[in-house]
PDB file of N, CA and C in Angstrom:
ATOM      1  N   MET A   1       6.262 -30.919   8.539  1.00  0.00           N
ATOM      2  CA  MET A   1       5.998 -30.188   9.703  1.00  0.00           C
ATOM      3  C   MET A   1       6.251 -28.721   8.939  1.00  0.00           C
ATOM      4  N   PHE A   2       5.179 -28.209   9.275  1.00  0.00           N
ATOM      5  CA  PHE A   2       5.364 -27.116   8.541  1.00  0.00           C
ATOM      6  C   PHE A   2       5.501 -25.345   9.365  1.00  0.00           C
ATOM      7  N   ILE A   3       6.975 -25.121   9.375  1.00  0.00           N
ATOM      8  CA  ILE A   3       7.722 -23.869  10.077  1.00  0.00           C
ATOM      9  C   ILE A   3       6.350 -22.817  10.185  1.00  0.00           C
ATOM     10  N   GLY A   4       6.091 -22.202  11.982  1.00  0.00           N
ATOM     11  CA  GLY A   4       4.800 -21.098  11.974  1.00  0.00           C
ATOM     12  C   GLY A   4       5.874 -20.602  12.746  1.00  0.00           C
ATOM     13  N   GLN A   5       5.464 -19.823  13.401  1.00  0.00           N
ATOM     14  CA  GLN A   5       5.658 -18.798  14.444  1.00  0.00           C
ATOM     15  C   GLN A   5       6.536 -18.613  16.332  1.00  0.00           C
ATOM     16  N   LYS A   6       6.419 -20.432  16.020  1.00  0.00           N
ATOM     17  CA  LYS A   6       6.912 -20.697  17.163  1.00  0.00           C
ATOM     18  C   LYS A   6       8.434 -20.851  17.716  1.00  0.00           C
ATOM     19  N   GLU A   7       8.833 -21.526  18.673  1.00  0.00           N
ATOM     20  CA  GLU A   7      10.112 -21.032  19.241  1.00  0.00           C
ATOM     21  C   GLU A   7      10.855 -22.210  17.574  1.00  0.00           C
ATOM     22  N   LEU A   8      12.357 -21.752  18.181  1.00  0.00           N
ATOM     23  CA  LEU A   8      13.225 -22.728  16.865  1.00  0.00           C
ATOM     24  C   LEU A   8      13.044 -23.855  17.443  1.00  0.00           C
ATOM     25  N   MET A   9      13.489 -24.293  18.916  1.00  0.00           N
ATOM     26  CA  MET A   9      13.827 -25.337  19.441  1.00  0.00           C
ATOM     27  C   MET A   9      11.999 -26.236  19.727  1.00  0.00           C
ATOM     28  N   THR A  10      11.043 -25.286  19.625  1.00  0.00           N
ATOM     29  CA  THR A  10      10.339 -26.996  19.642  1.00  0.00           C
ATOM     30  C   THR A  10       9.483 -27.171  17.938  1.00  0.00           C
ATOM     31  N   TYR A  11      10.089 -27.464  17.473  1.00  0.00           N
ATOM     32  CA  TYR A  11      10.275 -27.202  15.730  1.00  0.00           C
ATOM     33  C   TYR A  11      11.551 -28.523  15.804  1.00  0.00           C
ATOM     34  N   VAL A  12      12.659 -28.201  16.059  1.00  0.00           N
ATOM     35  CA  VAL A  12      13.658 -28.822  17.066  1.00  0.00           C
ATOM     36  C   VAL A  12      13.027 -30.500  16.962  1.00  0.00           C
ATOM     37  N   MET A  13      12.679 -30.394  18.668  1.00  0.00           N
ATOM     38  CA  MET A  13      11.896 -31.754  19.396  1.00  0.00           C
ATOM     39  C   MET A  13      10.597 -31.691  17.957  1.00  0.00           C
ATOM     40  N   ALA A  14      10.049 -31.646  17.972  1.00  0.00           N
ATOM     41  CA  ALA A  14       8.840 -32.023  17.052  1.00  0.00           C
ATOM     42  C   ALA A  14       9.582 -33.245  15.718  1.00  0.00           C
ATOM     43  N   VAL A  15      10.811 -32.048  14.656  1.00  0.00           N
ATOM     44  CA  VAL A  15      11.447 -33.661  14.266  1.00  0.00           C
ATOM     45  C   VAL A  15      11.859 -34.844  14.829  1.00  0.00           C
ATOM     46  N   MET A  16      12.606 -34.136  15.835  1.00  0.00           N
ATOM     47  CA  MET A  16      13.434 -35.879  16.372  1.00  0.00           C
ATOM     48  C   MET A  16      12.548 -36.770  17.406  1.00  0.00           C
ATOM     49  N   THR A  17      10.769 -35.887  17.964  1.00  0.00           N
ATOM     50  CA  THR A  17       9.855 -36.864  18.300  1.00  0.00           C
ATOM     51  C   THR A  17       9.766 -37.659  17.229  1.00  0.00           C
ATOM     52  N   ASN A  18       9.273 -37.488  15.480  1.00  0.00           N
ATOM     53  CA  ASN A  18       9.208 -38.310  14.623  1.00  0.00           C
ATOM     54  C   ASN A  18       9.615 -39.149  14.038  1.00  0.00           C
ATOM     55  N   PHE A  19      11.399 -38.950  14.070  1.00  0.00           N
ATOM     56  CA  PHE A  19      11.891 -39.988  13.892  1.00  0.00           C
ATOM     57  C   PHE A  19      12.006 -40.364  14.799  1.00  0.00           C
ATOM     58  N   ALA A  20      12.020 -40.708  16.175  1.00  0.00           N
ATOM     59  CA  ALA A  20      12.357 -41.353  17.564  1.00  0.00           C
ATOM     60  C   ALA A  20      10.974 -42.542  17.322  1.00  0.00           C
ATOM     61  N   SER A  21       9.710 -42.024  17.191  1.00  0.00           N
ATOM     62  CA  SER A  21       8.091 -42.812  16.772  1.00  0.00           C
ATOM     63  C   SER A  21       8.133 -43.360  15.386  1.00  0.00           C
ATOM     64  N   GLY A  22       9.777 -43.492  14.517  1.00  0.00           N
ATOM     65  CA  GLY A  22       9.640 -44.261  14.227  1.00  0.00           C
ATOM     66  C   GLY A  22      10.647 -44.307  12.596  1.00  0.00           C
ATOM     67  N   ALA A  23       8.764 -43.310  12.325  1.00  0.00           N
ATOM     68  CA  ALA A  23       9.620 -42.160  10.984  1.00  0.00           C
ATOM     69  C   ALA A  23      10.127 -42.296  10.514  1.00  0.00           C
ATOM     70  N   ASN A  24      10.836 -42.626   9.093  1.00  0.00           N
ATOM     71  CA  ASN A  24      11.988 -42.449   8.345  1.00  0.00           C
ATOM     72  C   ASN A  24      12.412 -42.040   7.743  1.00  0.00           C
ATOM     73  N   GLU A  25      10.706 -40.951   7.315  1.00  0.00           N
ATOM     74  CA  GLU A  25      10.956 -39.470   6.245  1.00  0.00           C
ATOM     75  C   GLU A  25      10.486 -37.840   7.193  1.00  0.00           C
ATOM     76  N   VAL A  26      10.893 -37.221   7.493  1.00  0.00           N
ATOM     77  CA  VAL A  26      10.280 -35.835   8.006  1.00  0.00           C
ATOM     78  C   VAL A  26      10.980 -34.905   6.620  1.00  0.00           C
ATOM     79  N   VAL A  27       9.074 -33.972   6.068  1.00  0.00           N
ATOM     80  CA  VAL A  27       8.924 -32.911   5.712  1.00  0.00           C
ATOM     81  C   VAL A  27       9.856 -31.689   6.788  1.00  0.00           C
ATOM     82  N   VAL A  28       9.740 -30.695   6.588  1.00  0.00           N
ATOM     83  CA  VAL A  28       9.971 -29.474   6.789  1.00  0.00           C
ATOM     84  C   VAL A  28       9.628 -28.361   5.985  1.00  0.00           C
ATOM     85  N   LYS A  29       8.712 -27.917   5.714  1.00  0.00           N
ATOM     86  CA  LYS A  29       8.092 -26.905   5.552  1.00  0.00           C
ATOM     87  C   LYS A  29       7.772 -26.184   5.456  1.00  0.00           C
ATOM     88  N   ALA A  30       7.903 -24.065   4.914  1.00  0.00           N
ATOM     89  CA  ALA A  30       7.914 -23.031   5.510  1.00  0.00           C
ATOM     90  C   ALA A  30       7.625 -21.898   4.089  1.00  0.00           C
ATOM     91  N   ARG A  31       7.366 -21.021   4.278  1.00  0.00           N
ATOM     92  CA  ARG A  31       6.861 -20.103   3.806  1.00  0.00           C
ATOM     93  C   ARG A  31       7.195 -18.674   3.770  1.00  0.00           C
ATOM     94  N   GLY A  32       7.599 -18.534   2.411  1.00  0.00           N
ATOM     95  CA  GLY A  32       8.352 -16.973   2.974  1.00  0.00           C
ATOM     96  C   GLY A  32       9.897 -16.269   3.787  1.00  0.00           C
ATOM     97  N   ARG A  33       9.161 -16.005   4.990  1.00  0.00           N
ATOM     98  CA  ARG A  33      10.345 -15.092   6.019  1.00  0.00           C
ATOM     99  C   ARG A  33      10.642 -16.261   6.837  1.00  0.00           C
ATOM    100  N   ASN A  34       9.946 -18.198   6.526  1.00  0.00           N
ATOM    101  CA  ASN A  34       9.915 -18.334   7.995  1.00  0.00           C
ATOM    102  C   ASN A  34      11.178 -19.690   6.561  1.00  0.00           C
ATOM    103  N   ILE A  35      11.695 -19.336   5.617  1.00  0.00           N
ATOM    104  CA  ILE A  35      12.384 -20.553   4.984  1.00  0.00           C
ATOM    105  C   ILE A  35      13.564 -20.099   6.265  1.00  0.00           C
ATOM    106  N   SER A  36      14.217 -19.653   6.622  1.00  0.00           N
ATOM    107  CA  SER A  36      15.635 -19.241   7.112  1.00  0.00           C
ATOM    108  C   SER A  36      15.382 -20.055   8.269  1.00  0.00           C
ATOM    109  N   MET A  37      14.468 -20.585   9.220  1.00  0.00           N
ATOM    110  CA  MET A  37      13.953 -21.280  10.604  1.00  0.00           C
ATOM    111  C   MET A  37      13.918 -22.916   9.987  1.00  0.00           C
ATOM    112  N   ALA A  38      13.633 -22.386   9.470  1.00  0.00           N
ATOM    113  CA  ALA A  38      13.319 -24.127   8.804  1.00  0.00           C
ATOM    114  C   ALA A  38      14.948 -24.358   8.443  1.00  0.00           C
ATOM    115  N   VAL A  39      15.260 -24.011   7.544  1.00  0.00           N
ATOM    116  CA  VAL A  39      17.251 -24.583   7.397  1.00  0.00           C
ATOM    117  C   VAL A  39      17.503 -24.702   8.266  1.00  0.00           C
ATOM    118  N   ASP A  40      17.033 -23.795   9.750  1.00  0.00           N
ATOM    119  CA  ASP A  40      18.369 -23.919  10.765  1.00  0.00           C
ATOM    120  C   ASP A  40      17.739 -25.074  11.484  1.00  0.00           C
ATOM    121  N   VAL A  41      16.082 -25.464  11.305  1.00  0.00           N
ATOM    122  CA  VAL A  41      15.778 -26.663  11.826  1.00  0.00           C
ATOM    123  C   VAL A  41      16.103 -27.431  11.513  1.00  0.00           C
ATOM    124  N   ALA A  42      16.184 -27.619   9.936  1.00  0.00           N
ATOM    125  CA  ALA A  42      17.038 -29.099   9.306  1.00  0.00           C
ATOM    126  C   ALA A  42      17.889 -28.906  10.141  1.00  0.00           C
ATOM    127  N   GLU A  43      18.833 -28.113   9.721  1.00  0.00           N
ATOM    128  CA  GLU A  43      20.700 -28.101  10.458  1.00  0.00           C
ATOM    129  C   GLU A  43      20.940 -28.801  11.526  1.00  0.00           C
ATOM    130  N   LEU A  44      20.282 -28.115  12.803  1.00  0.00           N
ATOM    131  CA  LEU A  44      20.284 -28.562  13.992  1.00  0.00           C
ATOM    132  C   LEU A  44      19.692 -30.055  14.385  1.00  0.00           C
ATOM    133  N   VAL A  45      18.864 -30.464  13.834  1.00  0.00           N
ATOM    134  CA  VAL A  45      18.820 -31.616  13.664  1.00  0.00           C
ATOM    135  C   VAL A  45      19.561 -32.135  13.289  1.00  0.00           C
ATOM    136  N   ARG A  46      20.158 -32.191  11.815  1.00  0.00           N
ATOM    137  CA  ARG A  46      21.432 -33.197  11.313  1.00  0.00           C
ATOM    138  C   ARG A  46      23.138 -32.326  11.824  1.00  0.00           C
ATOM    139  N   ASN A  47      23.136 -31.720  12.883  1.00  0.00           N
ATOM    140  CA  ASN A  47      24.436 -32.014  13.036  1.00  0.00           C
ATOM    141  C   ASN A  47      24.372 -31.891  14.891  1.00  0.00           C
ATOM    142  N   ARG A  48      23.693 -31.491  15.385  1.00  0.00           N
ATOM    143  CA  ARG A  48      23.778 -31.248  16.684  1.00  0.00           C
ATOM    144  C   ARG A  48      23.445 -32.467  17.429  1.00  0.00           C
ATOM    145  N   TYR A  49      22.052 -33.120  16.840  1.00  0.00           N
ATOM    146  CA  TYR A  49      21.291 -33.858  17.259  1.00  0.00           C
ATOM    147  C   TYR A  49      20.949 -35.389  16.995  1.00  0.00           C
ATOM    148  N   LEU A  50      20.927 -35.780  15.722  1.00  0.00           N
ATOM    149  CA  LEU A  50      20.505 -37.070  14.775  1.00  0.00           C
ATOM    150  C   LEU A  50      21.888 -37.015  13.539  1.00  0.00           C
ATOM    151  N   PRO A  51      22.939 -37.032  13.547  1.00  0.00           N
ATOM    152  CA  PRO A  51      24.186 -36.880  12.793  1.00  0.00           C
ATOM    153  C   PRO A  51      23.440 -38.349  11.525  1.00  0.00           C
ATOM    154  N   GLU A  52      22.678 -38.580  12.196  1.00  0.00           N
ATOM    155  CA  GLU A  52      22.736 -39.755  11.180  1.00  0.00           C
ATOM    156  C   GLU A  52      21.382 -39.601  10.454  1.00  0.00           C
ATOM    157  N   VAL A  53      20.639 -38.339  10.345  1.00  0.00           N
ATOM    158  CA  VAL A  53      19.818 -37.977   9.628  1.00  0.00           C
ATOM    159  C   VAL A  53      20.877 -37.444   8.991  1.00  0.00           C
ATOM    160  N   LYS A  54      19.918 -37.448   7.465  1.00  0.00           N
ATOM    161  CA  LYS A  54      20.813 -36.866   6.167  1.00  0.00           C
ATOM    162  C   LYS A  54      19.955 -36.030   4.970  1.00  0.00           C
ATOM    163  N   VAL A  55      19.986 -34.943   4.606  1.00  0.00           N
ATOM    164  CA  VAL A  55      18.918 -33.960   3.546  1.00  0.00           C
ATOM    165  C   VAL A  55      18.783 -34.987   2.574  1.00  0.00           C
ATOM    166  N   ALA A  56      17.421 -35.771   2.098  1.00  0.00           N
ATOM    167  CA  ALA A  56      17.627 -36.807   0.467  1.00  0.00           C
ATOM    168  C   ALA A  56      16.954 -35.677  -0.204  1.00  0.00           C
ATOM    169  N   ASN A  57      16.910 -34.416   0.366  1.00  0.00           N
ATOM    170  CA  ASN A  57      16.243 -33.974  -1.224  1.00  0.00           C
ATOM    171  C   ASN A  57      15.821 -32.260  -0.727  1.00  0.00           C
ATOM    172  N   VAL A  58      15.481 -31.563  -1.363  1.00  0.00           N
ATOM    173  CA  VAL A  58      14.949 -29.891  -1.412  1.00  0.00           C
ATOM    174  C   VAL A  58      14.654 -29.059  -2.384  1.00  0.00           C
ATOM    175  N   GLN A  59      13.115 -28.880  -2.018  1.00  0.00           N
ATOM    176  CA  GLN A  59      12.280 -27.928  -3.010  1.00  0.00           C
ATOM    177  C   GLN A  59      12.032 -27.096  -2.311  1.00  0.00           C
ATOM    178  N   ILE A  60      12.310 -26.426  -3.454  1.00  0.00           N
ATOM    179  CA  ILE A  60      12.276 -24.370  -3.611  1.00  0.00           C
ATOM    180  C   ILE A  60      11.165 -24.217  -4.356  1.00  0.00           C
ATOM    181  N   ALA A  61      10.263 -23.114  -4.404  1.00  0.00           N
ATOM    182  CA  ALA A  61       9.103 -23.288  -5.433  1.00  0.00           C
ATOM    183  C   ALA A  61       8.506 -21.206  -5.040  1.00  0.00           C
ATOM    184  N   THR A  62       7.147 -21.233  -5.249  1.00  0.00           N
ATOM    185  CA  THR A  62       6.849 -19.863  -5.713  1.00  0.00           C
ATOM    186  C   THR A  62       5.359 -20.382  -5.409  1.00  0.00           C
ATOM    187  N   GLU A  63       4.514 -19.718  -3.980  1.00  0.00           N
ATOM    188  CA  GLU A  63       3.431 -20.035  -3.787  1.00  0.00           C
ATOM    189  C   GLU A  63       2.297 -19.115  -4.228  1.00  0.00           C
ATOM    190  N   LYS A  64       1.176 -19.430  -4.774  1.00  0.00           N
ATOM    191  CA  LYS A  64      -0.128 -17.897  -4.917  1.00  0.00           C
ATOM    192  C   LYS A  64      -1.231 -17.986  -4.180  1.00  0.00           C
ATOM    193  N   LEU A  65      -1.861 -16.811  -3.014  1.00  0.00           N
ATOM    194  CA  LEU A  65      -1.648 -17.397  -2.097  1.00  0.00           C
ATOM    195  C   LEU A  65      -3.113 -15.833  -2.208  1.00  0.00           C
ATOM    196  N   GLN A  66      -3.238 -15.742  -1.166  1.00  0.00           N
ATOM    197  CA  GLN A  66      -4.758 -14.980  -1.447  1.00  0.00           C
ATOM    198  C   GLN A  66      -4.950 -13.722  -0.691  1.00  0.00           C
ATOM    199  N   GLY A  67      -4.412 -12.288  -0.890  1.00  0.00           N
ATOM    200  CA  GLY A  67      -3.823 -11.484   0.131  1.00  0.00           C
ATOM    201  C   GLY A  67      -5.824 -11.087   1.075  1.00  0.00           C
ATOM    202  N   ASP A  68      -5.343 -10.741   1.340  1.00  0.00           N
ATOM    203  CA  ASP A  68      -6.558  -9.934   2.870  1.00  0.00           C
ATOM    204  C   ASP A  68      -7.616  -9.090   1.828  1.00  0.00           C
ATOM    205  N   ASP A  69      -7.075  -7.922   1.241  1.00  0.00           N
ATOM    206  CA  ASP A  69      -7.781  -7.549   0.345  1.00  0.00           C
ATOM    207  C   ASP A  69      -8.227  -8.097  -1.310  1.00  0.00           C
ATOM    208  N   ARG A  70      -8.037  -9.678  -1.674  1.00  0.00           N
ATOM    209  CA  ARG A  70      -8.774 -10.202  -2.648  1.00  0.00           C
ATOM    210  C   ARG A  70      -7.589 -10.732  -3.746  1.00  0.00           C
ATOM    211  N   ARG A  71      -6.182  -9.642  -3.100  1.00  0.00           N
ATOM    212  CA  ARG A  71      -5.389  -9.904  -3.815  1.00  0.00           C
ATOM    213  C   ARG A  71      -4.809 -10.832  -4.480  1.00  0.00           C
ATOM    214  N   THR A  72      -3.859 -11.441  -5.438  1.00  0.00           N
ATOM    215  CA  THR A  72      -3.111 -13.114  -5.686  1.00  0.00           C
ATOM    216  C   THR A  72      -1.697 -12.104  -5.489  1.00  0.00           C
ATOM    217  N   ILE A  73      -1.058 -13.087  -4.363  1.00  0.00           N
ATOM    218  CA  ILE A  73       0.729 -12.883  -4.008  1.00  0.00           C
ATOM    219  C   ILE A  73       1.320 -13.865  -4.072  1.00  0.00           C
ATOM    220  N   LYS A  74       2.486 -14.060  -4.599  1.00  0.00           N
ATOM    221  CA  LYS A  74       3.615 -14.514  -4.301  1.00  0.00           C
ATOM    222  C   LYS A  74       4.433 -14.567  -3.591  1.00  0.00           C
ATOM    223  N   VAL A  75       4.466 -16.141  -2.475  1.00  0.00           N
ATOM    224  CA  VAL A  75       5.223 -16.083  -0.978  1.00  0.00           C
ATOM    225  C   VAL A  75       5.748 -17.379  -1.752  1.00  0.00           C
ATOM    226  N   SER A  76       7.172 -17.222  -1.583  1.00  0.00           N
ATOM    227  CA  SER A  76       8.210 -18.377  -2.173  1.00  0.00           C
ATOM    228  C   SER A  76       8.025 -19.359  -0.791  1.00  0.00           C
ATOM    229  N   SER A  77       8.448 -20.755  -1.300  1.00  0.00           N
ATOM    230  CA  SER A  77       8.262 -22.111  -0.050  1.00  0.00           C
ATOM    231  C   SER A  77       9.973 -22.741  -0.292  1.00  0.00           C
ATOM    232  N   ILE A  78       9.808 -23.854   0.380  1.00  0.00           N
ATOM    233  CA  ILE A  78      10.665 -24.631   0.262  1.00  0.00           C
ATOM    234  C   ILE A  78      10.115 -25.596   1.143  1.00  0.00           C
ATOM    235  N   GLU A  79      10.306 -27.097   1.182  1.00  0.00           N
ATOM    236  CA  GLU A  79      10.238 -27.964   1.768  1.00  0.00           C
ATOM    237  C   GLU A  79      11.711 -28.643   1.411  1.00  0.00           C
ATOM    238  N   ILE A  80      12.361 -28.977   2.899  1.00  0.00           N
ATOM    239  CA  ILE A  80      13.928 -30.170   3.245  1.00  0.00           C
ATOM    240  C   ILE A  80      13.201 -31.557   3.179  1.00  0.00           C
ATOM    241  N   PHE A  81      13.649 -32.415   2.761  1.00  0.00           N
ATOM    242  CA  PHE A  81      13.501 -33.474   3.248  1.00  0.00           C
ATOM    243  C   PHE A  81      14.104 -34.232   3.908  1.00  0.00           C
ATOM    244  N   LEU A  82      13.860 -34.965   5.314  1.00  0.00           N
ATOM    245  CA  LEU A  82      15.340 -35.398   6.149  1.00  0.00           C
ATOM    246  C   LEU A  82      14.747 -37.091   6.341  1.00  0.00           C
ATOM    247  N   SER A  83      15.724 -37.735   5.619  1.00  0.00           N
ATOM    248  CA  SER A  83      15.916 -38.609   6.297  1.00  0.00           C
ATOM    249  C   SER A  83      17.170 -39.705   6.911  1.00  0.00           C
ATOM    250  N   LYS A  84      16.574 -41.255   7.004  1.00  0.00           N
ATOM    251  CA  LYS A  84      17.593 -41.462   7.926  1.00  0.00           C
ATOM    252  C   LYS A  84      18.180 -43.006   7.301  1.00  0.00           C
TER     253      LYS A  84
END
């Protein structure tokens, strides 16, 4: 699940829906300024709604993206692996 500009609870509900439909693992991904929202989504799901869900792994990286003016920019990214 890639975190973008929508409301926080939209992503929380999407993660919970994936687990309810039988998924054993959900990956929450984000880049740049949305990293903090990805952490918030994972923590809300884990602490408030589905306490049986655990953080299996967290990966951080730097991705190279092309900007509008064809420059290469580096953006931080995170992947949070949630599992039952």
